[in-house]
Structures are given as C-alpha cells and as structure tokens.
Amino acid sequence: MIEQDRVLLVRRNREPLLGQWSVPGGAVELGETLEQAIVREVAEETGLKIEPIAVLKTFDRIERDPENRVRFHYILIDFLCRVVGAAKTPQGASDVSDARWVPLKTLRHSEEFILPEWTLKVIEEAISL
C-alpha cells in the first residue's frame, strides 16, 4: 500500500519472516476471494480498512533449510491497495508486532527497514503506477 510517498510495512511476529519487516498479507481462507483475503489480512494486521486496486505481481517464494529441504513454499500475489475510511494510522495487531508508514525515499538505504530485493521491486512497481 502506497500513500503520500510512504509504504505500509509490518514487522512479522511469527514465522516465516519472524522479526522482519514486510508488506502486509497472509493466507487465503477457504471460500475467500483474493480481494477478500487481502482486505481481511490488512485489517487484522494493521486495523486499516483498504480497497484493492490492482494485482501488481504473482510469484513463488520458496525457503529452504540448510539441508536444502523446502521449509516454506508460498504463492504470493501482491496487490496495490488504497486506504478507505477515516482511520489512517496503522496499529500492529494479529501476527505482527508493529505496523508503520515508511517514507519511500528511505527504503533502499534504511538500516531499520531491511527488505528483500523482491519486496523492494514490487514496491517500486507500485510507485510507477
């Protein structure tokens, strides 16, 4: 989610990515559409009400252990979304320990908000829209 030259990030409080910053999201529940899932996940993690605008990117994320066994395998679908409603300040909740709007200009060189290259690329793609 991009708003006023800022991106919404959450700090994960569970595996995968325990303790790391990422964009909000999570698993689709049985019977949910992708759009319903992202609306619910963002609300659970940040307290914000959002509206999905467009799919930005779809890709696999596979993490392996030291013996090269698959530890996690996710199909990620990143949405560009906008905040709707009065609340604009995120509050960390559910499976995140913190949620913040982070200035876009600080992301590539931040020592606090260290993001994987694939996340930075998705954010840059969202900015270009």
C-alpha atoms as a PDB file:
ATOM      1  CA  MET A   1       0.000   0.000   0.000  1.00  0.00           C
ATOM      2  CA  ILE A   2       1.430   3.327  -1.102  1.00  0.00           C
ATOM      3  CA  GLU A   3       0.093   6.611   0.242  1.00  0.00           C
ATOM      4  CA  GLN A   4       1.621  10.101   0.114  1.00  0.00           C
ATOM      5  CA  ASP A   5       5.156   8.888  -0.722  1.00  0.00           C
ATOM      6  CA  ARG A   6       5.010   6.253   2.010  1.00  0.00           C
ATOM      7  CA  VAL A   7       4.578   2.476   2.030  1.00  0.00           C
ATOM      8  CA  LEU A   8       2.792   0.440   4.691  1.00  0.00           C
ATOM      9  CA  LEU A   9       5.079  -2.112   6.358  1.00  0.00           C
ATOM     10  CA  VAL A  10       4.542  -4.595   9.178  1.00  0.00           C
ATOM     11  CA  ARG A  11       7.029  -6.410  11.406  1.00  0.00           C
ATOM     12  CA  ARG A  12       6.254 -10.131  11.441  1.00  0.00           C
ATOM     13  CA  ASN A  13       5.674 -11.702  14.850  1.00  0.00           C
ATOM     14  CA  ARG A  14       5.644 -15.312  13.537  1.00  0.00           C
ATOM     15  CA  GLU A  15       7.425 -17.481  11.001  1.00  0.00           C
ATOM     16  CA  PRO A  16       8.036 -17.090   8.205  1.00  0.00           C
ATOM     17  CA  LEU A  17       9.994 -13.820   8.414  1.00  0.00           C
ATOM     18  CA  LEU A  18       9.809 -13.638  12.207  1.00  0.00           C
ATOM     19  CA  GLY A  19      11.037 -10.194  13.309  1.00  0.00           C
ATOM     20  CA  GLN A  20      11.431  -8.923   9.743  1.00  0.00           C
ATOM     21  CA  TRP A  21       9.627  -6.077   8.023  1.00  0.00           C
ATOM     22  CA  SER A  22       7.400  -6.838   5.042  1.00  0.00           C
ATOM     23  CA  VAL A  23       4.268  -5.677   3.297  1.00  0.00           C
ATOM     24  CA  PRO A  24       1.021  -6.811   4.993  1.00  0.00           C
ATOM     25  CA  GLY A  25      -0.588 -10.047   3.875  1.00  0.00           C
ATOM     26  CA  GLY A  26      -1.307 -13.636   4.712  1.00  0.00           C
ATOM     27  CA  ALA A  27      -3.136 -16.798   3.780  1.00  0.00           C
ATOM     28  CA  VAL A  28      -6.400 -17.035   1.897  1.00  0.00           C
ATOM     29  CA  GLU A  29      -9.095 -18.757   3.938  1.00  0.00           C
ATOM     30  CA  LEU A  30     -11.431 -21.371   2.486  1.00  0.00           C
ATOM     31  CA  GLY A  31     -14.178 -19.679   0.468  1.00  0.00           C
ATOM     32  CA  GLU A  32     -12.445 -16.270   0.312  1.00  0.00           C
ATOM     33  CA  THR A  33     -11.569 -14.453  -2.869  1.00  0.00           C
ATOM     34  CA  LEU A  34      -8.068 -12.996  -3.163  1.00  0.00           C
ATOM     35  CA  GLU A  35      -9.524  -9.499  -2.726  1.00  0.00           C
ATOM     36  CA  GLN A  36     -11.451 -10.505   0.407  1.00  0.00           C
ATOM     37  CA  ALA A  37      -8.312 -12.111   1.834  1.00  0.00           C
ATOM     38  CA  ILE A  38      -6.120  -9.006   1.426  1.00  0.00           C
ATOM     39  CA  VAL A  39      -8.830  -6.751   2.903  1.00  0.00           C
ATOM     40  CA  ARG A  40      -9.151  -9.078   5.925  1.00  0.00           C
ATOM     41  CA  GLU A  41      -5.400  -9.583   6.392  1.00  0.00           C
ATOM     42  CA  VAL A  42      -4.600  -5.853   6.288  1.00  0.00           C
ATOM     43  CA  ALA A  43      -7.436  -5.141   8.741  1.00  0.00           C
ATOM     44  CA  GLU A  44      -6.218  -7.896  11.100  1.00  0.00           C
ATOM     45  CA  GLU A  45      -2.575  -6.807  10.928  1.00  0.00           C
ATOM     46  CA  THR A  46      -2.941  -3.014  10.904  1.00  0.00           C
ATOM     47  CA  GLY A  47      -6.526  -2.057  11.747  1.00  0.00           C
ATOM     48  CA  LEU A  48      -6.809  -0.233   8.413  1.00  0.00           C
ATOM     49  CA  LYS A  49      -9.702  -0.621   6.003  1.00  0.00           C
ATOM     50  CA  ILE A  50      -8.432  -0.918   2.440  1.00  0.00           C
ATOM     51  CA  GLU A  51      -9.627  -1.390  -1.107  1.00  0.00           C
ATOM     52  CA  PRO A  52      -7.621  -3.488  -3.591  1.00  0.00           C
ATOM     53  CA  ILE A  53      -6.968  -1.607  -6.840  1.00  0.00           C
ATOM     54  CA  ALA A  54      -4.821  -3.914  -8.972  1.00  0.00           C
ATOM     55  CA  VAL A  55      -2.665  -7.045  -8.870  1.00  0.00           C
ATOM     56  CA  LEU A  56       0.994  -5.993  -9.127  1.00  0.00           C
ATOM     57  CA  LYS A  57       2.863  -9.271  -9.239  1.00  0.00           C
ATOM     58  CA  THR A  58       2.431 -13.005  -8.699  1.00  0.00           C
ATOM     59  CA  PHE A  59       5.371 -15.249  -7.828  1.00  0.00           C
ATOM     60  CA  ASP A  60       6.607 -18.239  -5.808  1.00  0.00           C
ATOM     61  CA  ARG A  61       8.600 -17.789  -2.637  1.00  0.00           C
ATOM     62  CA  ILE A  62      10.468 -20.922  -1.590  1.00  0.00           C
ATOM     63  CA  GLU A  63      12.647 -21.039   1.524  1.00  0.00           C
ATOM     64  CA  ARG A  64      14.960 -23.971   2.121  1.00  0.00           C
ATOM     65  CA  ASP A  65      16.705 -25.209   5.251  1.00  0.00           C
ATOM     66  CA  PRO A  66      20.482 -25.837   5.457  1.00  0.00           C
ATOM     67  CA  GLU A  67      19.958 -29.368   4.037  1.00  0.00           C
ATOM     68  CA  ASN A  68      18.161 -27.825   1.032  1.00  0.00           C
ATOM     69  CA  ARG A  69      14.758 -29.196   2.087  1.00  0.00           C
ATOM     70  CA  VAL A  70      11.775 -26.942   1.417  1.00  0.00           C
ATOM     71  CA  ARG A  71      10.846 -25.143   4.634  1.00  0.00           C
ATOM     72  CA  PHE A  72       8.144 -22.825   3.228  1.00  0.00           C
ATOM     73  CA  HIS A  73       6.565 -22.547  -0.211  1.00  0.00           C
ATOM     74  CA  TYR A  74       4.155 -19.712  -0.863  1.00  0.00           C
ATOM     75  CA  ILE A  75       2.447 -18.335  -3.933  1.00  0.00           C
ATOM     76  CA  LEU A  76       2.466 -14.573  -3.396  1.00  0.00           C
ATOM     77  CA  ILE A  77       0.038 -12.215  -5.061  1.00  0.00           C
ATOM     78  CA  ASP A  78       0.864  -8.583  -4.368  1.00  0.00           C
ATOM     79  CA  PHE A  79      -1.934  -6.031  -4.653  1.00  0.00           C
ATOM     80  CA  LEU A  80      -1.827  -2.273  -4.959  1.00  0.00           C
ATOM     81  CA  CYS A  81      -4.380  -1.024  -2.427  1.00  0.00           C
ATOM     82  CA  ARG A  82      -5.627   2.239  -1.014  1.00  0.00           C
ATOM     83  CA  VAL A  83      -6.871   3.112   2.460  1.00  0.00           C
ATOM     84  CA  VAL A  84     -10.575   3.859   2.715  1.00  0.00           C
ATOM     85  CA  GLY A  85     -12.393   5.178   5.752  1.00  0.00           C
ATOM     86  CA  ALA A  86     -11.297   7.542   8.479  1.00  0.00           C
ATOM     87  CA  ALA A  87      -8.514   5.545  10.146  1.00  0.00           C
ATOM     88  CA  LYS A  88      -5.130   6.221   8.506  1.00  0.00           C
ATOM     89  CA  THR A  89      -2.761   5.298  11.354  1.00  0.00           C
ATOM     90  CA  PRO A  90      -1.822   1.605  11.409  1.00  0.00           C
ATOM     91  CA  GLN A  91      -1.739  -0.328  14.674  1.00  0.00           C
ATOM     92  CA  GLY A  92       0.238  -3.563  14.865  1.00  0.00           C
ATOM     93  CA  ALA A  93      -2.102  -6.457  15.694  1.00  0.00           C
ATOM     94  CA  SER A  94      -2.724 -10.143  14.990  1.00  0.00           C
ATOM     95  CA  ASP A  95       0.530 -11.780  13.862  1.00  0.00           C
ATOM     96  CA  VAL A  96       2.584  -8.564  13.591  1.00  0.00           C
ATOM     97  CA  SER A  97       4.384  -6.678  16.356  1.00  0.00           C
ATOM     98  CA  ASP A  98       4.427  -3.276  14.615  1.00  0.00           C
ATOM     99  CA  ALA A  99       2.888  -1.515  11.628  1.00  0.00           C
ATOM    100  CA  ARG A 100       4.143   1.770  10.147  1.00  0.00           C
ATOM    101  CA  TRP A 101       4.002   4.087   7.189  1.00  0.00           C
ATOM    102  CA  VAL A 102       7.609   4.329   5.971  1.00  0.00           C
ATOM    103  CA  PRO A 103       8.886   7.062   3.616  1.00  0.00           C
ATOM    104  CA  LEU A 104       9.666   5.561   0.218  1.00  0.00           C
ATOM    105  CA  LYS A 105      12.886   7.544  -0.141  1.00  0.00           C
ATOM    106  CA  THR A 106      14.407   5.782   2.902  1.00  0.00           C
ATOM    107  CA  LEU A 107      13.712   2.156   1.926  1.00  0.00           C
ATOM    108  CA  ARG A 108      16.779   1.323  -0.182  1.00  0.00           C
ATOM    109  CA  HIS A 109      19.216   2.616   2.460  1.00  0.00           C
ATOM    110  CA  SER A 110      17.342   2.005   5.712  1.00  0.00           C
ATOM    111  CA  GLU A 111      19.113   0.143   8.492  1.00  0.00           C
ATOM    112  CA  GLU A 112      15.808  -0.415  10.309  1.00  0.00           C
ATOM    113  CA  PHE A 113      13.500  -1.436   7.450  1.00  0.00           C
ATOM    114  CA  ILE A 114      15.580  -4.066   5.677  1.00  0.00           C
ATOM    115  CA  LEU A 115      13.527  -5.624   2.898  1.00  0.00           C
ATOM    116  CA  PRO A 116      14.365  -8.400   0.434  1.00  0.00           C
ATOM    117  CA  GLU A 117      15.104  -7.261  -3.098  1.00  0.00           C
ATOM    118  CA  TRP A 118      11.903  -8.854  -4.442  1.00  0.00           C
ATOM    119  CA  THR A 119       9.822  -6.778  -1.979  1.00  0.00           C
ATOM    120  CA  LEU A 120      11.628  -3.583  -2.960  1.00  0.00           C
ATOM    121  CA  LYS A 121      10.945  -4.334  -6.629  1.00  0.00           C
ATOM    122  CA  VAL A 122       7.217  -4.821  -6.004  1.00  0.00           C
ATOM    123  CA  ILE A 123       7.085  -1.517  -4.089  1.00  0.00           C
ATOM    124  CA  GLU A 124       8.918   0.243  -6.927  1.00  0.00           C
ATOM    125  CA  GLU A 125       6.453  -1.248  -9.405  1.00  0.00           C
ATOM    126  CA  ALA A 126       3.561   0.107  -7.323  1.00  0.00           C
ATOM    127  CA  ILE A 127       5.146   3.572  -7.285  1.00  0.00           C
ATOM    128  CA  SER A 128       5.354   3.593 -11.072  1.00  0.00           C
ATOM    129  CA  LEU A 129       1.586   3.113 -11.489  1.00  0.00           C
END
